Structures are given as structure tokens and as C-alpha cells.
Amino acid sequence: MEEIFHTHKGRYGYRRITLELRNRGARIDHKTVLRLMNELGLKSLVRIKKYRSYKGKIGKFAPNILARDFKAAKSNEKWVTDVTEFHLAGEKLYLSAILDLFNGEIIAYNIESRPVYPLVSKMLDKAFDRLESKDSPILHSDQGWHYQMKQYSHDL
């Protein structure tokens, strides 16, 4: 167990170590592996939690007009947006982007160090600058808290 643990630099927890031991022919229960790892002081590194913008219903929900029809016949007809977290040089960053479903083009994006509303509002302002008077795209999102805010509805 210690060899497997250290070979994988502490990233394997009791479940993966159990599977690796079984692959090597050992007949051992996962509860036994957990107990022995605790006794040996082997504790895997905690996984980084993924960013989830959904915090329940905090405002208005928009109807799902797109209904999983992710094909667009022309540019600026259907847009999709989301906020995602990523790590760069030890720093946590948040990206908000709008994608045109017609050709996969990134219409606008914004990066911030915190997932606050201006992350989305600055991106929206950039996207609006790209529109012509005849354009009226459908903007689809995952209805996370950014997209339920009154300010977001007002900006749209």
C-alpha cells in the first residue's frame, strides 16, 4: 500500500489503492485498505472542488427557449454562455464567455480573479458591442446565480 501511495505521489486514496491491489492479485476489502491506511498515516491529497455557479433559485428563471437545439442557421442567432474556473500559475481565475452556435466563434469573454457579477456584465458589454441593429440572438445559460440577477435581466 505504501509503495502504491508513494508511487502516485499521495494522489491515490483507499479506493484506487484497493483497485490497484486487486489488479496485482491481492484479495482485500476496501474497508481493510481504509483502516490500514489510517493506521499508517497515509491520507490522499484532497481533490480541488470544481466551481459551480448554481446556488439554487435566487431570482428569476428564464424559460428554456433553446430546448437543446444547439444548431444555428446564421451568425448571431443563438449564443451560449457559462462561467468556468481554472488554475494558472497557482492562481484561481474565472472565465465568462459567449459562444456563437453558428460557427463556434467566441463572441466575447472576460477573466476575473473572483466570480462576481462584473465578470459577466463586462463580458455582456463586449458582446453587445458586436451586435448590429438587425441582430437579436437567443442567449442560453445554465441559470447560475449570475444569470438570475435582476441586473443581468436588465442588461439583456
N, C-alpha and C. Protein backbone atom coordinates (compact mmCIF):
# COMPACT_ATOMS: atom_id res chain seq x y z
N MET A 1 0.82 -1.19 0.00
CA MET A 1 0.00 0.00 0.00
C MET A 1 0.87 1.25 0.00
N GLU A 2 1.90 1.24 0.83
CA GLU A 2 2.78 2.41 0.90
C GLU A 2 3.48 2.65 -0.44
N GLU A 3 3.90 1.58 -1.09
CA GLU A 3 4.58 1.71 -2.38
C GLU A 3 3.64 2.35 -3.41
N ILE A 4 2.41 1.88 -3.48
CA ILE A 4 1.43 2.42 -4.41
C ILE A 4 1.15 3.88 -4.09
N PHE A 5 0.97 4.17 -2.81
CA PHE A 5 0.67 5.53 -2.36
C PHE A 5 1.78 6.49 -2.79
N HIS A 6 3.05 6.11 -2.52
CA HIS A 6 4.17 7.00 -2.81
C HIS A 6 4.50 7.04 -4.30
N THR A 7 4.27 5.95 -5.01
CA THR A 7 4.49 5.94 -6.46
C THR A 7 3.59 6.96 -7.14
N HIS A 8 2.39 7.12 -6.63
CA HIS A 8 1.42 8.05 -7.21
C HIS A 8 1.38 9.38 -6.45
N LYS A 9 2.46 9.67 -5.71
CA LYS A 9 2.67 10.96 -5.04
C LYS A 9 1.52 11.38 -4.14
N GLY A 10 0.92 10.42 -3.46
CA GLY A 10 -0.14 10.72 -2.50
C GLY A 10 -1.48 11.05 -3.12
N ARG A 11 -1.62 10.83 -4.41
CA ARG A 11 -2.88 11.15 -5.08
C ARG A 11 -3.87 10.00 -5.06
N TYR A 12 -3.44 8.81 -4.70
CA TYR A 12 -4.34 7.66 -4.65
C TYR A 12 -4.91 7.54 -3.24
N GLY A 13 -6.24 7.48 -3.16
CA GLY A 13 -6.91 7.23 -1.90
C GLY A 13 -7.17 5.74 -1.74
N TYR A 14 -7.95 5.38 -0.73
CA TYR A 14 -8.16 3.96 -0.43
C TYR A 14 -8.87 3.22 -1.56
N ARG A 15 -9.75 3.91 -2.29
CA ARG A 15 -10.48 3.24 -3.37
C ARG A 15 -9.53 2.83 -4.50
N ARG A 16 -8.70 3.77 -4.93
CA ARG A 16 -7.77 3.46 -6.02
C ARG A 16 -6.70 2.45 -5.58
N ILE A 17 -6.26 2.57 -4.35
CA ILE A 17 -5.26 1.62 -3.85
C ILE A 17 -5.86 0.23 -3.78
N THR A 18 -7.13 0.14 -3.36
CA THR A 18 -7.81 -1.16 -3.33
C THR A 18 -7.85 -1.76 -4.73
N LEU A 19 -8.21 -0.95 -5.72
CA LEU A 19 -8.26 -1.44 -7.10
C LEU A 19 -6.88 -1.87 -7.60
N GLU A 20 -5.86 -1.11 -7.26
CA GLU A 20 -4.50 -1.45 -7.69
C GLU A 20 -4.04 -2.75 -7.03
N LEU A 21 -4.36 -2.92 -5.74
CA LEU A 21 -4.00 -4.17 -5.05
C LEU A 21 -4.71 -5.36 -5.68
N ARG A 22 -5.98 -5.17 -6.04
CA ARG A 22 -6.73 -6.25 -6.69
C ARG A 22 -6.15 -6.58 -8.06
N ASN A 23 -5.70 -5.53 -8.79
CA ASN A 23 -5.05 -5.75 -10.09
C ASN A 23 -3.76 -6.55 -9.94
N ARG A 24 -3.15 -6.42 -8.78
CA ARG A 24 -1.91 -7.16 -8.51
C ARG A 24 -2.18 -8.54 -7.91
N GLY A 25 -3.44 -8.90 -7.78
CA GLY A 25 -3.78 -10.25 -7.33
C GLY A 25 -4.17 -10.38 -5.87
N ALA A 26 -4.13 -9.29 -5.12
CA ALA A 26 -4.49 -9.36 -3.70
C ALA A 26 -6.01 -9.37 -3.55
N ARG A 27 -6.50 -10.20 -2.66
CA ARG A 27 -7.93 -10.25 -2.36
C ARG A 27 -8.12 -9.49 -1.05
N ILE A 28 -8.53 -8.22 -1.18
CA ILE A 28 -8.64 -7.36 0.01
C ILE A 28 -9.86 -6.46 -0.14
N ASP A 29 -10.51 -6.21 0.98
CA ASP A 29 -11.70 -5.38 1.02
C ASP A 29 -11.30 -3.90 1.15
N HIS A 30 -12.10 -3.01 0.59
CA HIS A 30 -11.78 -1.59 0.63
C HIS A 30 -11.79 -1.04 2.06
N LYS A 31 -12.63 -1.63 2.92
CA LYS A 31 -12.66 -1.17 4.31
C LYS A 31 -11.36 -1.51 5.04
N THR A 32 -10.78 -2.64 4.71
CA THR A 32 -9.50 -3.03 5.29
C THR A 32 -8.40 -2.08 4.82
N VAL A 33 -8.42 -1.75 3.54
CA VAL A 33 -7.42 -0.81 3.00
C VAL A 33 -7.57 0.53 3.68
N LEU A 34 -8.77 1.00 3.86
CA LEU A 34 -9.01 2.28 4.54
C LEU A 34 -8.46 2.26 5.96
N ARG A 35 -8.77 1.20 6.69
CA ARG A 35 -8.29 1.08 8.08
C ARG A 35 -6.77 1.06 8.14
N LEU A 36 -6.14 0.26 7.26
CA LEU A 36 -4.67 0.16 7.27
C LEU A 36 -4.01 1.47 6.85
N MET A 37 -4.61 2.15 5.90
CA MET A 37 -4.06 3.45 5.50
C MET A 37 -4.14 4.45 6.64
N ASN A 38 -5.23 4.42 7.39
CA ASN A 38 -5.36 5.30 8.55
C ASN A 38 -4.30 4.98 9.59
N GLU A 39 -4.07 3.69 9.83
CA GLU A 39 -3.06 3.28 10.81
C GLU A 39 -1.65 3.70 10.37
N LEU A 40 -1.40 3.66 9.05
CA LEU A 40 -0.09 4.03 8.52
C LEU A 40 0.06 5.54 8.30
N GLY A 41 -1.01 6.27 8.51
CA GLY A 41 -0.97 7.72 8.32
C GLY A 41 -0.92 8.14 6.86
N LEU A 42 -1.45 7.30 5.99
CA LEU A 42 -1.48 7.62 4.56
C LEU A 42 -2.82 8.26 4.22
N LYS A 43 -2.77 9.51 3.85
CA LYS A 43 -4.00 10.23 3.51
C LYS A 43 -3.79 10.91 2.17
N SER A 44 -4.69 10.63 1.23
CA SER A 44 -4.52 11.20 -0.11
C SER A 44 -4.80 12.69 -0.09
N LEU A 45 -4.26 13.37 -1.10
CA LEU A 45 -4.48 14.79 -1.24
C LEU A 45 -5.95 15.03 -1.56
N VAL A 46 -6.48 16.10 -1.02
CA VAL A 46 -7.88 16.42 -1.25
C VAL A 46 -8.04 16.94 -2.67
N ARG A 47 -9.04 16.46 -3.38
CA ARG A 47 -9.31 16.95 -4.72
C ARG A 47 -9.81 18.38 -4.66
N ILE A 48 -9.43 19.15 -5.65
CA ILE A 48 -9.90 20.52 -5.75
C ILE A 48 -11.36 20.48 -6.20
N LYS A 49 -12.21 21.20 -5.49
CA LYS A 49 -13.62 21.22 -5.85
C LYS A 49 -13.82 22.07 -7.08
N LYS A 50 -14.67 21.60 -7.96
CA LYS A 50 -14.99 22.35 -9.17
C LYS A 50 -15.90 23.51 -8.82
N TYR A 51 -15.75 24.59 -9.57
CA TYR A 51 -16.60 25.75 -9.37
C TYR A 51 -17.99 25.46 -9.92
N ARG A 52 -18.99 25.75 -9.12
CA ARG A 52 -20.37 25.59 -9.54
C ARG A 52 -21.08 26.91 -9.29
N SER A 53 -21.58 27.52 -10.35
CA SER A 53 -22.23 28.81 -10.19
C SER A 53 -23.66 28.67 -9.69
N TYR A 54 -24.23 27.46 -9.77
CA TYR A 54 -25.61 27.27 -9.36
C TYR A 54 -25.73 27.26 -7.85
N LYS A 55 -26.54 28.16 -7.30
CA LYS A 55 -26.74 28.24 -5.86
C LYS A 55 -28.21 28.13 -5.50
N GLY A 56 -28.96 27.47 -6.36
CA GLY A 56 -30.39 27.37 -6.12
C GLY A 56 -31.10 28.55 -6.75
N LYS A 57 -32.38 28.66 -6.47
CA LYS A 57 -33.16 29.74 -7.05
C LYS A 57 -32.99 30.99 -6.20
N ILE A 58 -32.36 32.02 -6.78
CA ILE A 58 -32.18 33.27 -6.04
C ILE A 58 -32.85 34.43 -6.76
N GLY A 59 -33.36 34.20 -7.94
CA GLY A 59 -34.00 35.24 -8.74
C GLY A 59 -34.94 34.60 -9.73
N LYS A 60 -35.09 35.27 -10.88
CA LYS A 60 -35.98 34.76 -11.92
C LYS A 60 -35.27 33.77 -12.81
N PHE A 61 -35.99 32.74 -13.18
CA PHE A 61 -35.52 31.77 -14.16
C PHE A 61 -36.12 32.14 -15.51
N ALA A 62 -35.33 32.06 -16.54
CA ALA A 62 -35.84 32.29 -17.90
C ALA A 62 -36.28 30.97 -18.48
N PRO A 63 -37.29 30.97 -19.35
CA PRO A 63 -37.71 29.72 -19.97
C PRO A 63 -36.63 29.18 -20.91
N ASN A 64 -36.60 27.88 -21.09
CA ASN A 64 -35.60 27.24 -21.95
C ASN A 64 -36.08 27.27 -23.40
N ILE A 65 -35.84 28.36 -24.07
CA ILE A 65 -36.27 28.55 -25.45
C ILE A 65 -35.47 27.67 -26.39
N LEU A 66 -34.19 27.49 -26.09
CA LEU A 66 -33.31 26.72 -26.98
C LEU A 66 -33.68 25.24 -27.04
N ALA A 67 -34.14 24.69 -25.93
CA ALA A 67 -34.60 23.29 -25.84
C ALA A 67 -33.61 22.31 -26.50
N ARG A 68 -32.34 22.46 -26.19
CA ARG A 68 -31.25 21.59 -26.66
C ARG A 68 -31.07 21.57 -28.18
N ASP A 69 -31.60 22.58 -28.86
CA ASP A 69 -31.37 22.72 -30.30
C ASP A 69 -30.15 23.61 -30.47
N PHE A 70 -28.96 23.00 -30.47
CA PHE A 70 -27.71 23.74 -30.47
C PHE A 70 -27.15 24.00 -31.87
N LYS A 71 -28.02 24.04 -32.86
CA LYS A 71 -27.60 24.36 -34.22
C LYS A 71 -28.23 25.69 -34.61
N ALA A 72 -27.41 26.56 -35.20
CA ALA A 72 -27.91 27.86 -35.65
C ALA A 72 -27.74 27.96 -37.16
N ALA A 73 -28.71 28.60 -37.81
CA ALA A 73 -28.68 28.73 -39.26
C ALA A 73 -27.88 29.94 -39.72
N LYS A 74 -27.69 30.91 -38.83
CA LYS A 74 -26.94 32.11 -39.19
C LYS A 74 -26.20 32.65 -37.96
N SER A 75 -25.27 33.51 -38.23
CA SER A 75 -24.48 34.14 -37.16
C SER A 75 -25.38 35.03 -36.29
N ASN A 76 -25.06 35.12 -35.02
CA ASN A 76 -25.79 35.95 -34.05
C ASN A 76 -27.27 35.55 -33.92
N GLU A 77 -27.55 34.26 -34.11
CA GLU A 77 -28.91 33.75 -33.93
C GLU A 77 -29.04 33.11 -32.54
N LYS A 78 -28.05 32.26 -32.17
CA LYS A 78 -28.06 31.56 -30.88
C LYS A 78 -26.68 31.66 -30.24
N TRP A 79 -26.67 32.17 -29.02
CA TRP A 79 -25.43 32.26 -28.24
C TRP A 79 -25.59 31.42 -26.98
N VAL A 80 -24.49 30.89 -26.48
CA VAL A 80 -24.48 30.21 -25.19
C VAL A 80 -23.37 30.82 -24.32
N THR A 81 -23.58 30.78 -23.03
CA THR A 81 -22.62 31.37 -22.11
C THR A 81 -22.49 30.55 -20.85
N ASP A 82 -21.36 30.66 -20.20
CA ASP A 82 -21.12 29.99 -18.92
C ASP A 82 -19.92 30.62 -18.23
N VAL A 83 -19.79 30.33 -16.96
CA VAL A 83 -18.64 30.75 -16.16
C VAL A 83 -17.89 29.49 -15.78
N THR A 84 -16.58 29.51 -15.92
CA THR A 84 -15.77 28.35 -15.55
C THR A 84 -14.55 28.81 -14.76
N GLU A 85 -14.10 27.93 -13.88
CA GLU A 85 -12.93 28.22 -13.04
C GLU A 85 -11.75 27.42 -13.58
N PHE A 86 -10.58 28.04 -13.60
CA PHE A 86 -9.37 27.31 -13.94
C PHE A 86 -8.20 27.86 -13.15
N HIS A 87 -7.13 27.08 -13.09
CA HIS A 87 -5.96 27.43 -12.31
C HIS A 87 -4.81 27.70 -13.26
N LEU A 88 -4.12 28.81 -13.04
CA LEU A 88 -3.00 29.19 -13.88
C LEU A 88 -1.90 29.75 -12.98
N ALA A 89 -0.75 29.10 -12.99
CA ALA A 89 0.40 29.53 -12.19
C ALA A 89 0.04 29.69 -10.72
N GLY A 90 -0.72 28.74 -10.20
CA GLY A 90 -1.08 28.75 -8.79
C GLY A 90 -2.18 29.73 -8.43
N GLU A 91 -2.76 30.39 -9.42
CA GLU A 91 -3.81 31.36 -9.17
C GLU A 91 -5.13 30.85 -9.71
N LYS A 92 -6.21 31.10 -8.99
CA LYS A 92 -7.54 30.70 -9.43
C LYS A 92 -8.13 31.84 -10.26
N LEU A 93 -8.58 31.52 -11.47
CA LEU A 93 -9.18 32.52 -12.34
C LEU A 93 -10.54 32.04 -12.82
N TYR A 94 -11.41 32.99 -13.16
CA TYR A 94 -12.75 32.68 -13.62
C TYR A 94 -12.95 33.29 -15.00
N LEU A 95 -13.45 32.49 -15.92
CA LEU A 95 -13.67 32.89 -17.30
C LEU A 95 -15.15 32.87 -17.60
N SER A 96 -15.64 33.96 -18.15
CA SER A 96 -17.02 34.04 -18.61
C SER A 96 -16.95 34.31 -20.10
N ALA A 97 -17.61 33.47 -20.89
CA ALA A 97 -17.52 33.61 -22.34
C ALA A 97 -18.87 33.39 -23.00
N ILE A 98 -19.03 33.99 -24.18
CA ILE A 98 -20.22 33.77 -25.02
C ILE A 98 -19.73 33.15 -26.31
N LEU A 99 -20.39 32.05 -26.70
CA LEU A 99 -20.05 31.31 -27.90
C LEU A 99 -21.23 31.38 -28.88
N ASP A 100 -20.93 31.67 -30.15
CA ASP A 100 -21.95 31.67 -31.19
C ASP A 100 -22.12 30.24 -31.70
N LEU A 101 -23.32 29.70 -31.63
CA LEU A 101 -23.56 28.31 -32.04
C LEU A 101 -23.52 28.11 -33.55
N PHE A 102 -23.52 29.19 -34.32
CA PHE A 102 -23.45 29.05 -35.77
C PHE A 102 -22.09 28.52 -36.22
N ASN A 103 -21.02 29.12 -35.69
CA ASN A 103 -19.68 28.73 -36.15
C ASN A 103 -18.69 28.45 -35.01
N GLY A 104 -19.16 28.45 -33.77
CA GLY A 104 -18.28 28.17 -32.64
C GLY A 104 -17.37 29.32 -32.27
N GLU A 105 -17.63 30.51 -32.81
CA GLU A 105 -16.80 31.69 -32.53
C GLU A 105 -17.07 32.21 -31.12
N ILE A 106 -15.98 32.60 -30.45
CA ILE A 106 -16.12 33.26 -29.15
C ILE A 106 -16.49 34.71 -29.44
N ILE A 107 -17.66 35.11 -29.04
CA ILE A 107 -18.16 36.47 -29.29
C ILE A 107 -17.52 37.46 -28.34
N ALA A 108 -17.46 37.08 -27.07
CA ALA A 108 -16.88 37.95 -26.04
C ALA A 108 -16.47 37.08 -24.85
N TYR A 109 -15.51 37.58 -24.10
CA TYR A 109 -15.11 36.89 -22.88
C TYR A 109 -14.55 37.89 -21.88
N ASN A 110 -14.49 37.47 -20.65
CA ASN A 110 -13.90 38.27 -19.58
C ASN A 110 -13.29 37.33 -18.56
N ILE A 111 -12.18 37.72 -17.99
CA ILE A 111 -11.49 36.92 -16.97
C ILE A 111 -11.33 37.79 -15.72
N GLU A 112 -11.66 37.22 -14.58
CA GLU A 112 -11.52 37.91 -13.29
C GLU A 112 -10.94 36.93 -12.27
N SER A 113 -10.45 37.47 -11.18
CA SER A 113 -9.90 36.62 -10.12
C SER A 113 -10.96 36.16 -9.14
N ARG A 114 -12.17 36.73 -9.24
CA ARG A 114 -13.27 36.32 -8.37
C ARG A 114 -14.54 36.16 -9.22
N PRO A 115 -15.44 35.24 -8.84
CA PRO A 115 -16.64 35.02 -9.65
C PRO A 115 -17.78 35.99 -9.30
N VAL A 116 -17.52 37.27 -9.38
CA VAL A 116 -18.51 38.29 -9.04
C VAL A 116 -19.29 38.69 -10.29
N TYR A 117 -20.40 39.42 -10.11
CA TYR A 117 -21.24 39.76 -11.25
C TYR A 117 -20.52 40.55 -12.35
N PRO A 118 -19.62 41.49 -12.04
CA PRO A 118 -18.92 42.20 -13.12
C PRO A 118 -18.18 41.27 -14.10
N LEU A 119 -17.85 40.07 -13.68
CA LEU A 119 -17.26 39.08 -14.58
C LEU A 119 -18.19 38.87 -15.78
N VAL A 120 -19.49 38.76 -15.51
CA VAL A 120 -20.48 38.53 -16.55
C VAL A 120 -20.88 39.84 -17.23
N SER A 121 -21.06 40.90 -16.47
CA SER A 121 -21.55 42.16 -17.05
C SER A 121 -20.54 42.77 -18.03
N LYS A 122 -19.25 42.69 -17.73
CA LYS A 122 -18.23 43.21 -18.66
C LYS A 122 -18.22 42.40 -19.95
N MET A 123 -18.40 41.09 -19.81
CA MET A 123 -18.47 40.23 -20.99
C MET A 123 -19.68 40.59 -21.84
N LEU A 124 -20.83 40.82 -21.19
CA LEU A 124 -22.05 41.20 -21.91
C LEU A 124 -21.85 42.50 -22.69
N ASP A 125 -21.22 43.48 -22.05
CA ASP A 125 -20.97 44.76 -22.72
C ASP A 125 -20.15 44.56 -23.99
N LYS A 126 -19.13 43.71 -23.92
CA LYS A 126 -18.30 43.42 -25.10
C LYS A 126 -19.13 42.74 -26.19
N ALA A 127 -20.02 41.83 -25.78
CA ALA A 127 -20.86 41.11 -26.74
C ALA A 127 -21.84 42.06 -27.41
N PHE A 128 -22.44 42.96 -26.64
CA PHE A 128 -23.40 43.90 -27.20
C PHE A 128 -22.76 44.81 -28.24
N ASP A 129 -21.50 45.15 -28.04
CA ASP A 129 -20.77 45.98 -29.00
C ASP A 129 -20.62 45.30 -30.36
N ARG A 130 -20.69 43.99 -30.39
CA ARG A 130 -20.54 43.22 -31.63
C ARG A 130 -21.85 43.09 -32.42
N LEU A 131 -22.96 43.45 -31.79
CA LEU A 131 -24.26 43.28 -32.44
C LEU A 131 -24.59 44.45 -33.37
N GLU A 132 -25.29 44.12 -34.44
CA GLU A 132 -25.84 45.15 -35.33
C GLU A 132 -27.32 45.31 -34.99
N SER A 133 -27.93 46.36 -35.48
CA SER A 133 -29.32 46.65 -35.10
C SER A 133 -30.29 45.54 -35.50
N LYS A 134 -30.01 44.80 -36.57
CA LYS A 134 -30.90 43.73 -37.03
C LYS A 134 -30.76 42.45 -36.21
N ASP A 135 -29.71 42.32 -35.41
CA ASP A 135 -29.44 41.09 -34.65
C ASP A 135 -30.24 41.05 -33.35
N SER A 136 -30.77 39.87 -33.05
CA SER A 136 -31.44 39.65 -31.76
C SER A 136 -31.24 38.19 -31.36
N PRO A 137 -30.04 37.86 -30.89
CA PRO A 137 -29.75 36.46 -30.57
C PRO A 137 -30.46 35.97 -29.32
N ILE A 138 -30.66 34.66 -29.28
CA ILE A 138 -31.11 33.99 -28.06
C ILE A 138 -29.84 33.72 -27.26
N LEU A 139 -29.82 34.11 -26.00
CA LEU A 139 -28.65 33.87 -25.14
C LEU A 139 -29.02 32.81 -24.11
N HIS A 140 -28.40 31.64 -24.22
CA HIS A 140 -28.70 30.49 -23.37
C HIS A 140 -27.61 30.33 -22.31
N SER A 141 -28.02 30.11 -21.07
CA SER A 141 -27.07 29.88 -19.98
C SER A 141 -27.56 28.75 -19.09
N ASP A 142 -26.74 28.40 -18.09
CA ASP A 142 -27.12 27.32 -17.18
C ASP A 142 -27.98 27.81 -16.01
N GLN A 143 -28.39 29.06 -16.02
CA GLN A 143 -29.23 29.65 -14.98
C GLN A 143 -28.53 29.71 -13.62
N GLY A 144 -27.20 29.81 -13.62
CA GLY A 144 -26.44 30.01 -12.38
C GLY A 144 -26.81 31.35 -11.77
N TRP A 145 -26.29 31.62 -10.59
CA TRP A 145 -26.73 32.83 -9.87
C TRP A 145 -26.45 34.10 -10.64
N HIS A 146 -25.38 34.15 -11.43
CA HIS A 146 -25.09 35.36 -12.22
C HIS A 146 -26.26 35.69 -13.15
N TYR A 147 -26.85 34.63 -13.71
CA TYR A 147 -27.87 34.79 -14.74
C TYR A 147 -29.28 34.93 -14.17
N GLN A 148 -29.42 34.87 -12.87
CA GLN A 148 -30.72 35.05 -12.22
C GLN A 148 -30.86 36.46 -11.64
N MET A 149 -29.78 37.21 -11.67
CA MET A 149 -29.81 38.54 -11.05
C MET A 149 -30.66 39.53 -11.85
N LYS A 150 -31.28 40.47 -11.13
CA LYS A 150 -32.10 41.50 -11.79
C LYS A 150 -31.24 42.32 -12.75
N GLN A 151 -30.02 42.60 -12.35
CA GLN A 151 -29.12 43.40 -13.18
C GLN A 151 -28.86 42.70 -14.52
N TYR A 152 -28.72 41.38 -14.49
CA TYR A 152 -28.49 40.61 -15.72
C TYR A 152 -29.70 40.75 -16.64
N SER A 153 -30.90 40.55 -16.10
CA SER A 153 -32.12 40.69 -16.91
C SER A 153 -32.23 42.10 -17.47
N HIS A 154 -31.91 43.08 -16.65
CA HIS A 154 -31.96 44.47 -17.08
C HIS A 154 -30.97 44.74 -18.21
N ASP A 155 -29.75 44.20 -18.08
CA ASP A 155 -28.74 44.39 -19.11
C ASP A 155 -29.16 43.76 -20.43
N LEU A 156 -29.80 42.58 -20.34
CA LEU A 156 -30.27 41.94 -21.56
C LEU A 156 -31.36 42.76 -22.22
